[in-house]
Amino acid sequence: MSRRLLIALTIGSSIIVSMVIASYFLQSDEQTIYALVSVLFLLYVALYLFGGLAKLIVFFIYGVLIAISLALFSERFSFAIIFIGTLLFVLNPLADLETYLNKTLDDQDIEPFKVTWLGKFETFYSYRREMKSHYHLPQVRKLYTKKWYQKARTITVIGLFAIDMFMLIFVANDIALFRTITPNNVLVIYFITIIFIMMILLHKKGFTTMMRVVRLSVFLPVIFILSITDDIDLTYKWIFVPVVAVFGITMGVIELIRYYMRVSYSAYQYYDQDRQELVFANALFEPLVYNEHTTEIGHYGMEVSLETFQAHFTEILIYANYHRFIITAYTHNKKYAYIYAEFHQSQSNRMIKFQSFMENIFRTHVGLRQFSDLNRKFYENTFFHNSDYIVARALNLAHLLNELEIRGEVIISLMVYFKQKEQAMDYLKAYPSRELDYNEDGVITLQTNVRVRNLDYIIENTVRDILLELKLHQGTYVRIMLYY
């Protein structure tokens, strides 16, 4: 557990406990004020956890200035103070101070905190995050290729942030003045939460994902308004409230189903000469090749054409996404299709059920060979260190740069290592490289950077030449990247 998470949990827990204790000793109006201050401090704790200490200090200064101004000046100036306070948060005049603090504070205090999944499905959730990022790639691509889209997203995020801060300051001031929480305050707090979620999703995913939240968020306030409005006859309430609730639950279920249906697969496609088959290795799985959780491998085979298999492949991906295992590759040898999947060791029954699932889809027998890969060598030997796989990865990254309209020259960067210094020296004569590490075992790690034009045949020839030189001097490939 990181120090920042521990501090945030300790302070947050203390605030919540103090709120419970205070509710037994304070009067009703005092409880409201205490709860308001506690919630505001919880927001600052969340800001510290996810934004870092520098942003916390700057935003805390803004908050104190606004609170003092609202307390000292007459109520008739409240709206103006709230408006100016909103501009403080949006324009961030202390940005230079925040930059200075970022340079002087420890990295663990300023770097954004990321939530990570733990447990036996940790690897799957990491893979799902990669898959979702690839699924949203078309929207991300617009940030690089369409200036108007980039400006529209930026302006909308700033606008949502301004609205959120204005509403937050307004409702906090309203509760402080009247020392009670009204139904209107509850609605405003709800909309503050929804707008904040919209802002985060728009910043990370785009307008499409944000609008899903908007569609789902309208039902609760409608039900709340119908329930508290006295002008509506009780009979109509009994009719409309259940109808709206059922409609909202239905929409929620539909969105949940769609969530599992939003799958993607990025393939490193190449022809394996040794195995005489066309390979579609999962590029999204590559960062997780050496994970310690998905140690059980299922190798499935069936007699179907490539076209038939690919026509049903999305159904297979949806099934895997719902049941939390990973499709790592599939191949075809003109007669049989083979699919490779990795499971957690507790999913032995799921391996069998997946076999039955595919038999129902393709209406044919599906063979299964299952084995453990505790040393994490199977994927490496079968795909990862295959020369054609490495070339396919380089070309895939080059095509991605083309899609982002980044053309011209690219830098092919390979990380390799040698166990013998003499062999490394011979390799350096052909490809001058930067030494990254020399450990006690005598392993020499090098980074080879070669600048070439972003053309497929040039990239392929260059990568194959480097791999051949590496093989001649008994070096080992680690990873390849492309930069511009």
Protein backbone atom coordinates (compact mmCIF):
# COMPACT_ATOMS: atom_id res chain seq x y z
CA MET A 1 0.00 0.00 0.00
CA SER A 2 1.45 3.39 -0.99
CA ARG A 3 2.06 6.09 1.59
CA ARG A 4 -0.41 8.45 -0.09
CA LEU A 5 -3.19 5.84 -0.09
CA LEU A 6 -2.52 5.03 3.56
CA ILE A 7 -2.65 8.71 4.56
CA ALA A 8 -5.83 9.31 2.55
CA LEU A 9 -7.57 6.25 4.02
CA THR A 10 -6.55 7.22 7.55
CA ILE A 11 -7.77 10.81 7.26
CA GLY A 12 -10.94 9.80 5.39
CA SER A 13 -11.82 7.15 7.95
CA SER A 14 -11.21 9.60 10.80
CA ILE A 15 -13.54 12.17 9.21
CA ILE A 16 -16.31 9.60 8.72
CA VAL A 17 -15.98 8.31 12.30
CA SER A 18 -16.05 11.88 13.64
CA MET A 19 -19.25 12.56 11.67
CA VAL A 20 -20.93 9.56 13.28
CA ILE A 21 -19.79 10.59 16.77
CA ALA A 22 -20.79 14.23 16.24
CA SER A 23 -24.32 13.20 15.22
CA TYR A 24 -24.93 12.06 18.84
CA PHE A 25 -23.75 15.29 20.52
CA LEU A 26 -24.65 18.16 18.18
CA GLN A 27 -27.96 19.84 17.51
CA SER A 28 -29.68 19.33 14.16
CA ASP A 29 -28.43 22.57 12.57
CA GLU A 30 -24.94 22.00 14.01
CA GLN A 31 -24.92 18.49 12.58
CA THR A 32 -25.65 19.93 9.13
CA ILE A 33 -22.72 22.37 9.31
CA TYR A 34 -20.38 19.70 10.66
CA ALA A 35 -21.42 17.28 7.90
CA LEU A 36 -20.91 20.00 5.26
CA VAL A 37 -17.38 20.78 6.46
CA SER A 38 -16.59 17.06 6.73
CA VAL A 39 -17.76 16.35 3.19
CA LEU A 40 -15.68 19.25 1.85
CA PHE A 41 -12.62 17.87 3.64
CA LEU A 42 -13.37 14.42 2.18
CA LEU A 43 -13.35 16.02 -1.27
CA TYR A 44 -9.92 17.46 -0.51
CA VAL A 45 -8.75 14.04 0.68
CA ALA A 46 -9.92 12.58 -2.65
CA LEU A 47 -8.12 15.41 -4.46
CA TYR A 48 -4.92 14.58 -2.57
CA LEU A 49 -5.26 10.89 -3.39
CA PHE A 50 -5.94 11.24 -7.11
CA GLY A 51 -4.41 14.64 -7.89
CA GLY A 52 -1.40 14.81 -5.60
CA LEU A 53 -0.14 17.12 -2.86
CA ALA A 54 0.68 20.08 -5.12
CA LYS A 55 -2.86 20.34 -6.51
CA LEU A 56 -4.27 19.86 -2.99
CA ILE A 57 -2.29 22.83 -1.65
CA VAL A 58 -3.32 25.13 -4.50
CA PHE A 59 -7.00 24.16 -4.43
CA PHE A 60 -7.05 24.38 -0.62
CA ILE A 61 -5.84 27.99 -0.85
CA TYR A 62 -8.69 28.77 -3.27
CA GLY A 63 -11.21 27.09 -0.99
CA VAL A 64 -10.06 29.00 2.11
CA LEU A 65 -10.17 32.33 0.25
CA ILE A 66 -13.71 31.68 -1.00
CA ALA A 67 -14.93 30.49 2.43
CA ILE A 68 -13.49 33.58 4.17
CA SER A 69 -14.99 35.89 1.53
CA LEU A 70 -18.45 34.34 1.87
CA ALA A 71 -18.25 34.61 5.66
CA LEU A 72 -17.08 38.24 5.75
CA PHE A 73 -19.19 39.84 3.04
CA SER A 74 -22.93 40.39 3.00
CA GLU A 75 -25.23 37.77 1.55
CA ARG A 76 -26.04 40.05 -1.40
CA PHE A 77 -22.45 39.62 -2.62
CA SER A 78 -22.62 35.81 -2.47
CA PHE A 79 -23.37 35.28 -6.15
CA ALA A 80 -20.46 37.50 -7.23
CA ILE A 81 -18.08 35.75 -4.82
CA ILE A 82 -19.21 32.32 -6.04
CA PHE A 83 -18.68 33.41 -9.66
CA ILE A 84 -15.20 34.78 -8.91
CA GLY A 85 -14.39 31.64 -6.90
CA THR A 86 -15.36 29.49 -9.87
CA LEU A 87 -13.00 31.49 -12.08
CA LEU A 88 -10.22 30.92 -9.53
CA PHE A 89 -10.54 27.14 -9.85
CA VAL A 90 -10.91 27.23 -13.66
CA LEU A 91 -8.18 29.78 -14.51
CA ASN A 92 -5.84 28.52 -11.75
CA PRO A 93 -3.79 31.74 -11.20
CA LEU A 94 -1.45 29.82 -8.87
CA ALA A 95 -0.39 27.46 -11.66
CA ASP A 96 3.24 28.59 -11.27
CA LEU A 97 3.14 27.65 -7.58
CA GLU A 98 1.73 24.25 -8.50
CA THR A 99 4.52 23.76 -11.06
CA TYR A 100 7.13 24.74 -8.46
CA LEU A 101 5.68 22.30 -5.92
CA ASN A 102 5.64 19.53 -8.55
CA LYS A 103 9.37 20.06 -9.04
CA THR A 104 10.27 20.12 -5.36
CA LEU A 105 7.98 17.46 -3.83
CA ASP A 106 8.60 13.71 -3.95
CA ASP A 107 7.27 11.90 -7.00
CA GLN A 108 5.03 9.69 -4.87
CA ASP A 109 3.30 12.83 -3.54
CA ILE A 110 2.57 14.43 -6.91
CA GLU A 111 2.07 11.64 -9.44
CA PRO A 112 -1.58 10.73 -10.17
CA PHE A 113 -2.78 7.78 -8.15
CA LYS A 114 -4.08 4.88 -10.25
CA VAL A 115 -6.57 2.32 -9.03
CA THR A 116 -5.37 -1.22 -9.72
CA TRP A 117 -7.32 -4.44 -9.43
CA LEU A 118 -5.94 -7.04 -7.08
CA GLY A 119 -6.74 -10.71 -6.67
CA LYS A 120 -6.80 -13.69 -8.98
CA PHE A 121 -8.35 -11.74 -11.89
CA GLU A 122 -5.84 -8.90 -11.70
CA THR A 123 -4.35 -9.83 -15.08
CA PHE A 124 -7.74 -10.07 -16.76
CA TYR A 125 -8.78 -6.61 -15.57
CA SER A 126 -5.47 -5.20 -16.82
CA TYR A 127 -6.20 -6.84 -20.16
CA ARG A 128 -9.76 -5.47 -20.17
CA ARG A 129 -8.33 -1.99 -19.63
CA GLU A 130 -6.08 -2.48 -22.67
CA MET A 131 -9.05 -3.75 -24.67
CA LYS A 132 -11.25 -0.80 -23.70
CA SER A 133 -8.48 1.62 -24.63
CA HIS A 134 -8.24 -0.01 -28.06
CA TYR A 135 -12.04 0.04 -28.40
CA HIS A 136 -12.03 3.81 -27.81
CA LEU A 137 -9.07 4.35 -30.16
CA PRO A 138 -11.23 5.95 -32.93
CA GLN A 139 -12.19 8.75 -30.53
CA VAL A 140 -8.59 9.12 -29.34
CA ARG A 141 -7.44 9.25 -32.96
CA LYS A 142 -9.62 12.32 -33.51
CA LEU A 143 -7.57 14.17 -30.90
CA TYR A 144 -4.55 13.87 -33.23
CA THR A 145 -6.23 14.17 -36.62
CA LYS A 146 -9.04 16.70 -36.03
CA LYS A 147 -8.13 19.97 -34.34
CA TRP A 148 -11.77 21.01 -33.99
CA TYR A 149 -12.55 17.81 -32.07
CA GLN A 150 -9.61 18.36 -29.74
CA LYS A 151 -10.74 21.93 -29.05
CA ALA A 152 -14.37 20.84 -28.57
CA ARG A 153 -13.37 18.23 -25.97
CA THR A 154 -11.06 20.62 -24.15
CA ILE A 155 -13.63 23.43 -24.05
CA THR A 156 -16.39 21.05 -22.93
CA VAL A 157 -14.24 19.60 -20.12
CA ILE A 158 -13.38 23.12 -18.90
CA GLY A 159 -17.05 24.11 -19.16
CA LEU A 160 -18.20 21.09 -17.16
CA PHE A 161 -15.53 21.76 -14.54
CA ALA A 162 -16.66 25.40 -14.23
CA ILE A 163 -20.32 24.37 -13.85
CA ASP A 164 -19.38 21.76 -11.27
CA MET A 165 -17.33 24.18 -9.17
CA PHE A 166 -20.01 26.87 -9.35
CA MET A 167 -22.71 24.43 -8.22
CA LEU A 168 -20.48 23.03 -5.46
CA ILE A 169 -19.67 26.46 -4.00
CA PHE A 170 -23.30 27.56 -4.39
CA VAL A 171 -24.82 24.56 -2.62
CA ALA A 172 -22.18 24.64 0.14
CA ASN A 173 -22.94 28.31 0.78
CA ASP A 174 -26.69 27.65 0.70
CA ILE A 175 -26.43 24.85 3.26
CA ALA A 176 -24.15 26.97 5.48
CA LEU A 177 -26.58 29.92 5.41
CA PHE A 178 -29.79 28.02 6.15
CA ARG A 179 -28.20 25.22 8.23
CA THR A 180 -30.39 22.58 6.60
CA ILE A 181 -30.37 20.37 3.52
CA THR A 182 -33.37 20.93 1.26
CA PRO A 183 -34.61 18.72 -1.60
CA ASN A 184 -33.14 21.29 -3.99
CA ASN A 185 -29.74 20.83 -2.34
CA VAL A 186 -30.02 17.06 -2.81
CA LEU A 187 -30.74 17.51 -6.52
CA VAL A 188 -27.82 19.91 -6.94
CA ILE A 189 -25.45 17.51 -5.13
CA TYR A 190 -26.64 14.71 -7.43
CA PHE A 191 -26.00 16.81 -10.53
CA ILE A 192 -22.57 17.83 -9.20
CA THR A 193 -21.68 14.14 -8.95
CA ILE A 194 -23.02 13.32 -12.43
CA ILE A 195 -21.26 16.28 -14.07
CA PHE A 196 -17.99 15.28 -12.40
CA ILE A 197 -18.34 11.74 -13.78
CA MET A 198 -19.19 13.17 -17.21
CA MET A 199 -16.10 15.36 -17.11
CA ILE A 200 -13.79 12.45 -16.24
CA LEU A 201 -15.28 10.15 -18.91
CA LEU A 202 -15.14 12.87 -21.56
CA HIS A 203 -11.49 13.54 -20.74
CA LYS A 204 -10.54 9.86 -20.82
CA LYS A 205 -12.94 8.27 -23.35
CA GLY A 206 -14.84 10.90 -25.37
CA PHE A 207 -18.34 12.21 -26.04
CA THR A 208 -19.93 8.81 -26.79
CA THR A 209 -19.06 7.36 -23.38
CA MET A 210 -20.09 10.57 -21.65
CA MET A 211 -23.54 10.49 -23.26
CA ARG A 212 -24.16 7.00 -21.90
CA VAL A 213 -23.88 8.45 -18.40
CA VAL A 214 -26.22 11.31 -19.35
CA ARG A 215 -28.88 8.89 -20.58
CA LEU A 216 -28.76 6.82 -17.40
CA SER A 217 -28.57 9.78 -15.02
CA VAL A 218 -31.95 11.33 -15.87
CA PHE A 219 -34.12 8.65 -14.23
CA LEU A 220 -33.20 9.16 -10.56
CA PRO A 221 -33.92 12.93 -10.50
CA VAL A 222 -37.21 12.38 -12.36
CA ILE A 223 -38.28 9.80 -9.75
CA PHE A 224 -37.12 12.10 -6.94
CA ILE A 225 -39.03 15.12 -8.32
CA LEU A 226 -42.19 13.06 -8.87
CA SER A 227 -41.97 11.73 -5.31
CA ILE A 228 -41.52 15.07 -3.51
CA THR A 229 -43.83 17.26 -5.63
CA ASP A 230 -47.08 17.93 -3.79
CA ASP A 231 -48.93 19.25 -6.85
CA ILE A 232 -49.06 15.81 -8.46
CA ASP A 233 -51.97 13.59 -7.48
CA LEU A 234 -50.98 10.48 -5.49
CA THR A 235 -52.62 8.23 -8.09
CA TYR A 236 -50.41 9.63 -10.83
CA LYS A 237 -47.36 9.19 -8.62
CA TRP A 238 -48.16 5.51 -8.17
CA ILE A 239 -48.41 5.20 -11.96
CA PHE A 240 -45.49 7.29 -13.19
CA VAL A 241 -42.85 6.53 -10.53
CA PRO A 242 -42.87 2.72 -11.13
CA VAL A 243 -42.98 3.25 -14.91
CA VAL A 244 -39.96 5.56 -14.82
CA ALA A 245 -38.15 3.22 -12.40
CA VAL A 246 -38.75 0.15 -14.59
CA PHE A 247 -37.67 2.08 -17.68
CA GLY A 248 -34.50 3.24 -15.91
CA ILE A 249 -33.65 -0.28 -14.68
CA THR A 250 -34.22 -1.61 -18.21
CA MET A 251 -31.87 1.01 -19.66
CA GLY A 252 -29.30 0.12 -17.00
CA VAL A 253 -29.49 -3.59 -17.87
CA ILE A 254 -29.18 -2.78 -21.58
CA GLU A 255 -26.10 -0.63 -20.94
CA LEU A 256 -24.58 -3.41 -18.79
CA ILE A 257 -25.09 -5.90 -21.62
CA ARG A 258 -23.58 -3.43 -24.08
CA TYR A 259 -20.62 -2.97 -21.73
CA TYR A 260 -19.72 -6.65 -22.07
CA MET A 261 -20.38 -6.50 -25.82
CA ARG A 262 -17.88 -3.68 -26.33
CA VAL A 263 -14.92 -5.89 -27.18
CA SER A 264 -12.00 -5.50 -29.56
CA TYR A 265 -9.06 -7.51 -30.82
CA SER A 266 -5.89 -6.08 -32.31
CA ALA A 267 -4.06 -8.76 -34.28
CA TYR A 268 -0.43 -9.15 -35.22
CA GLN A 269 -1.10 -10.97 -38.47
CA TYR A 270 1.62 -12.99 -40.20
CA TYR A 271 2.25 -16.34 -41.86
CA ASP A 272 4.28 -18.81 -39.80
CA GLN A 273 6.47 -20.72 -42.29
CA ASP A 274 7.48 -23.39 -39.78
CA ARG A 275 3.94 -24.22 -38.69
CA GLN A 276 2.39 -23.52 -42.10
CA GLU A 277 -0.45 -21.45 -40.71
CA LEU A 278 -1.80 -17.93 -40.70
CA VAL A 279 -1.42 -16.37 -37.24
CA PHE A 280 -3.51 -13.66 -35.57
CA ALA A 281 -1.73 -13.00 -32.25
CA ASN A 282 -3.40 -10.68 -29.75
CA ALA A 283 -1.46 -7.42 -29.57
CA LEU A 284 -3.44 -6.30 -26.50
CA PHE A 285 -2.14 -9.27 -24.52
CA GLU A 286 1.53 -8.52 -25.16
CA PRO A 287 2.14 -6.33 -22.04
CA LEU A 288 0.82 -9.23 -19.93
CA VAL A 289 2.77 -12.10 -21.48
CA TYR A 290 4.77 -12.81 -18.34
CA ASN A 291 1.98 -12.39 -15.80
CA GLU A 292 1.71 -14.88 -12.91
CA HIS A 293 -2.06 -15.40 -12.90
CA THR A 294 -3.21 -16.88 -16.23
CA THR A 295 -1.09 -20.02 -16.06
CA GLU A 296 -3.63 -22.47 -17.54
CA ILE A 297 -3.74 -22.66 -21.33
CA GLY A 298 -6.50 -24.05 -23.48
CA HIS A 299 -5.65 -24.93 -27.09
CA TYR A 300 -8.86 -25.50 -29.08
CA GLY A 301 -9.11 -26.83 -32.62
CA MET A 302 -12.03 -27.21 -35.05
CA GLU A 303 -12.54 -27.90 -38.74
CA VAL A 304 -14.01 -24.64 -40.06
CA SER A 305 -13.02 -22.13 -42.70
CA LEU A 306 -11.29 -18.91 -41.71
CA GLU A 307 -14.28 -16.87 -42.93
CA THR A 308 -16.71 -18.89 -40.78
CA PHE A 309 -14.47 -18.62 -37.73
CA GLN A 310 -14.01 -14.86 -38.07
CA ALA A 311 -17.76 -14.38 -38.59
CA HIS A 312 -18.33 -15.75 -35.06
CA PHE A 313 -15.17 -14.38 -33.46
CA THR A 314 -16.93 -11.40 -31.85
CA GLU A 315 -19.26 -13.82 -30.02
CA ILE A 316 -16.18 -15.62 -28.69
CA LEU A 317 -14.65 -12.35 -27.48
CA ILE A 318 -17.89 -11.37 -25.72
CA TYR A 319 -18.05 -14.76 -24.01
CA ALA A 320 -14.42 -14.44 -22.86
CA ASN A 321 -14.99 -10.88 -21.65
CA TYR A 322 -18.01 -11.89 -19.57
CA HIS A 323 -16.33 -14.98 -18.05
CA ARG A 324 -12.97 -13.26 -17.45
CA PHE A 325 -10.42 -15.17 -19.49
CA ILE A 326 -8.19 -14.02 -22.35
CA ILE A 327 -8.06 -15.02 -26.01
CA THR A 328 -4.34 -14.73 -26.76
CA ALA A 329 -4.21 -15.85 -30.41
CA TYR A 330 -5.92 -17.79 -33.16
CA THR A 331 -4.47 -19.48 -36.23
CA HIS A 332 -5.68 -21.18 -39.41
CA ASN A 333 -3.96 -23.70 -41.69
CA LYS A 334 -6.46 -23.71 -44.61
CA LYS A 335 -8.49 -26.49 -42.97
CA TYR A 336 -8.48 -26.16 -39.20
CA ALA A 337 -8.90 -23.12 -36.97
CA TYR A 338 -7.10 -23.08 -33.64
CA ILE A 339 -7.69 -20.75 -30.75
CA TYR A 340 -5.47 -20.15 -27.72
CA ALA A 341 -6.94 -18.97 -24.43
CA GLU A 342 -5.39 -18.37 -21.01
CA PHE A 343 -7.26 -18.96 -17.74
CA HIS A 344 -6.66 -18.61 -14.06
CA GLN A 345 -5.99 -21.96 -12.37
CA SER A 346 -9.41 -21.79 -10.66
CA GLN A 347 -11.18 -21.77 -14.06
CA SER A 348 -10.71 -25.40 -15.08
CA ASN A 349 -14.48 -25.87 -15.46
CA ARG A 350 -14.69 -22.75 -17.61
CA MET A 351 -12.20 -24.28 -20.06
CA ILE A 352 -14.62 -27.17 -20.63
CA LYS A 353 -17.64 -24.88 -20.86
CA PHE A 354 -15.84 -22.74 -23.42
CA GLN A 355 -15.29 -25.87 -25.51
CA SER A 356 -19.04 -26.62 -25.38
CA PHE A 357 -19.84 -23.01 -26.20
CA MET A 358 -17.80 -23.14 -29.41
CA GLU A 359 -19.27 -26.51 -30.38
CA ASN A 360 -22.72 -24.93 -30.19
CA ILE A 361 -21.59 -21.98 -32.31
CA PHE A 362 -19.80 -23.89 -35.08
CA ARG A 363 -21.95 -27.06 -34.96
CA THR A 364 -18.88 -29.25 -35.06
CA HIS A 365 -16.54 -31.07 -32.71
CA VAL A 366 -14.00 -28.85 -30.95
CA GLY A 367 -10.85 -30.50 -29.68
CA LEU A 368 -9.22 -29.32 -26.46
CA ARG A 369 -5.65 -29.67 -25.26
CA GLN A 370 -5.09 -28.08 -21.87
CA PHE A 371 -1.84 -27.67 -19.96
CA SER A 372 -0.16 -25.50 -17.34
CA ASP A 373 2.46 -22.90 -18.18
CA LEU A 374 3.85 -21.98 -14.79
CA ASN A 375 7.16 -20.77 -16.27
CA ARG A 376 5.38 -18.52 -18.80
CA LYS A 377 7.33 -19.89 -21.75
CA PHE A 378 4.58 -21.13 -24.07
CA TYR A 379 3.46 -17.81 -25.53
CA GLU A 380 7.05 -16.58 -25.71
CA ASN A 381 8.25 -19.63 -27.66
CA THR A 382 5.17 -19.97 -29.86
CA PHE A 383 4.59 -16.33 -30.79
CA PHE A 384 6.44 -13.63 -28.89
CA HIS A 385 10.00 -14.41 -30.04
CA ASN A 386 9.02 -15.49 -33.54
CA SER A 387 10.73 -13.27 -36.12
CA ASP A 388 7.53 -12.87 -38.12
CA TYR A 389 5.69 -11.85 -34.95
CA ILE A 390 8.32 -9.18 -34.22
CA VAL A 391 8.08 -7.82 -37.77
CA ALA A 392 4.27 -7.84 -37.55
CA ARG A 393 4.45 -5.85 -34.31
CA ALA A 394 6.72 -3.26 -35.90
CA LEU A 395 4.39 -2.90 -38.89
CA ASN A 396 1.35 -2.70 -36.62
CA LEU A 397 2.91 0.20 -34.69
CA ALA A 398 3.85 1.89 -37.95
CA HIS A 399 0.26 1.61 -39.22
CA LEU A 400 -0.98 3.09 -35.96
CA LEU A 401 1.26 6.12 -36.49
CA ASN A 402 -0.14 6.42 -40.02
CA GLU A 403 -3.69 6.35 -38.67
CA LEU A 404 -2.74 9.21 -36.35
CA GLU A 405 -1.40 11.00 -39.44
CA ILE A 406 2.16 10.85 -38.08
CA ARG A 407 4.22 10.19 -41.18
CA GLY A 408 7.81 10.68 -42.25
CA GLU A 409 10.64 9.03 -40.38
CA VAL A 410 10.24 6.71 -37.41
CA ILE A 411 12.72 5.28 -34.91
CA ILE A 412 12.82 1.50 -34.60
CA SER A 413 13.92 0.75 -31.05
CA LEU A 414 14.84 -2.81 -30.03
CA MET A 415 15.84 -3.90 -26.56
CA VAL A 416 18.15 -6.93 -26.60
CA TYR A 417 20.57 -8.64 -24.26
CA PHE A 418 23.74 -10.76 -24.47
CA LYS A 419 25.34 -13.16 -22.02
CA GLN A 420 28.83 -12.81 -23.49
CA LYS A 421 30.57 -9.45 -23.70
CA GLU A 422 32.53 -10.43 -26.82
CA GLN A 423 29.33 -11.22 -28.71
CA ALA A 424 27.82 -7.91 -27.62
CA MET A 425 30.89 -6.08 -28.91
CA ASP A 426 30.62 -7.78 -32.30
CA TYR A 427 26.94 -6.83 -32.49
CA LEU A 428 27.78 -3.22 -31.62
CA LYS A 429 30.07 -3.04 -34.65
CA ALA A 430 27.07 -3.63 -36.91
CA TYR A 431 24.49 -1.68 -34.88
CA PRO A 432 25.82 0.91 -32.43
CA SER A 433 23.59 0.77 -29.36
CA ARG A 434 23.16 2.27 -25.92
CA GLU A 435 24.05 0.04 -22.98
CA LEU A 436 21.21 -0.06 -20.43
CA ASP A 437 22.49 -2.45 -17.81
CA TYR A 438 25.33 -4.74 -16.89
CA ASN A 439 24.38 -6.90 -13.93
CA GLU A 440 26.40 -9.25 -11.75
CA ASP A 441 25.49 -12.25 -13.89
CA GLY A 442 27.25 -10.69 -16.85
CA VAL A 443 24.08 -10.02 -18.87
CA ILE A 444 24.48 -6.96 -21.08
CA THR A 445 21.27 -5.16 -22.06
CA LEU A 446 21.35 -2.89 -25.12
CA GLN A 447 18.91 -0.54 -26.83
CA THR A 448 19.29 -0.34 -30.60
CA ASN A 449 17.73 2.70 -32.28
CA VAL A 450 17.54 2.94 -36.08
CA ARG A 451 15.86 5.82 -37.91
CA VAL A 452 14.04 4.83 -41.13
CA ARG A 453 11.22 6.08 -43.36
CA ASN A 454 7.74 4.93 -42.38
CA LEU A 455 7.32 2.49 -45.25
CA ASP A 456 6.38 -1.15 -44.66
CA TYR A 457 9.09 -2.79 -46.76
CA ILE A 458 11.86 -0.61 -45.29
CA ILE A 459 10.71 -1.29 -41.73
CA GLU A 460 10.40 -5.03 -42.37
CA ASN A 461 13.85 -5.32 -43.98
CA THR A 462 15.48 -3.28 -41.22
CA VAL A 463 13.91 -5.35 -38.43
CA ARG A 464 14.84 -8.64 -40.11
CA ASP A 465 18.43 -7.47 -40.59
CA ILE A 466 18.73 -6.56 -36.91
CA LEU A 467 17.20 -9.88 -35.83
CA LEU A 468 19.59 -11.77 -38.11
CA GLU A 469 22.58 -9.91 -36.66
CA LEU A 470 21.23 -10.65 -33.20
CA LYS A 471 20.93 -14.34 -33.99
CA LEU A 472 24.46 -14.51 -35.42
CA HIS A 473 25.88 -13.20 -32.15
CA GLN A 474 23.60 -15.25 -29.87
CA GLY A 475 21.70 -12.26 -28.57
CA THR A 476 18.16 -12.40 -27.23
CA TYR A 477 15.29 -10.17 -28.30
CA VAL A 478 13.31 -8.48 -25.50
CA ARG A 479 11.02 -5.86 -27.00
CA ILE A 480 10.49 -3.61 -30.01
CA MET A 481 8.94 -0.15 -30.12
CA LEU A 482 8.45 2.58 -32.73
CA TYR A 483 8.78 6.29 -32.05
CA TYR A 484 8.47 9.39 -34.19
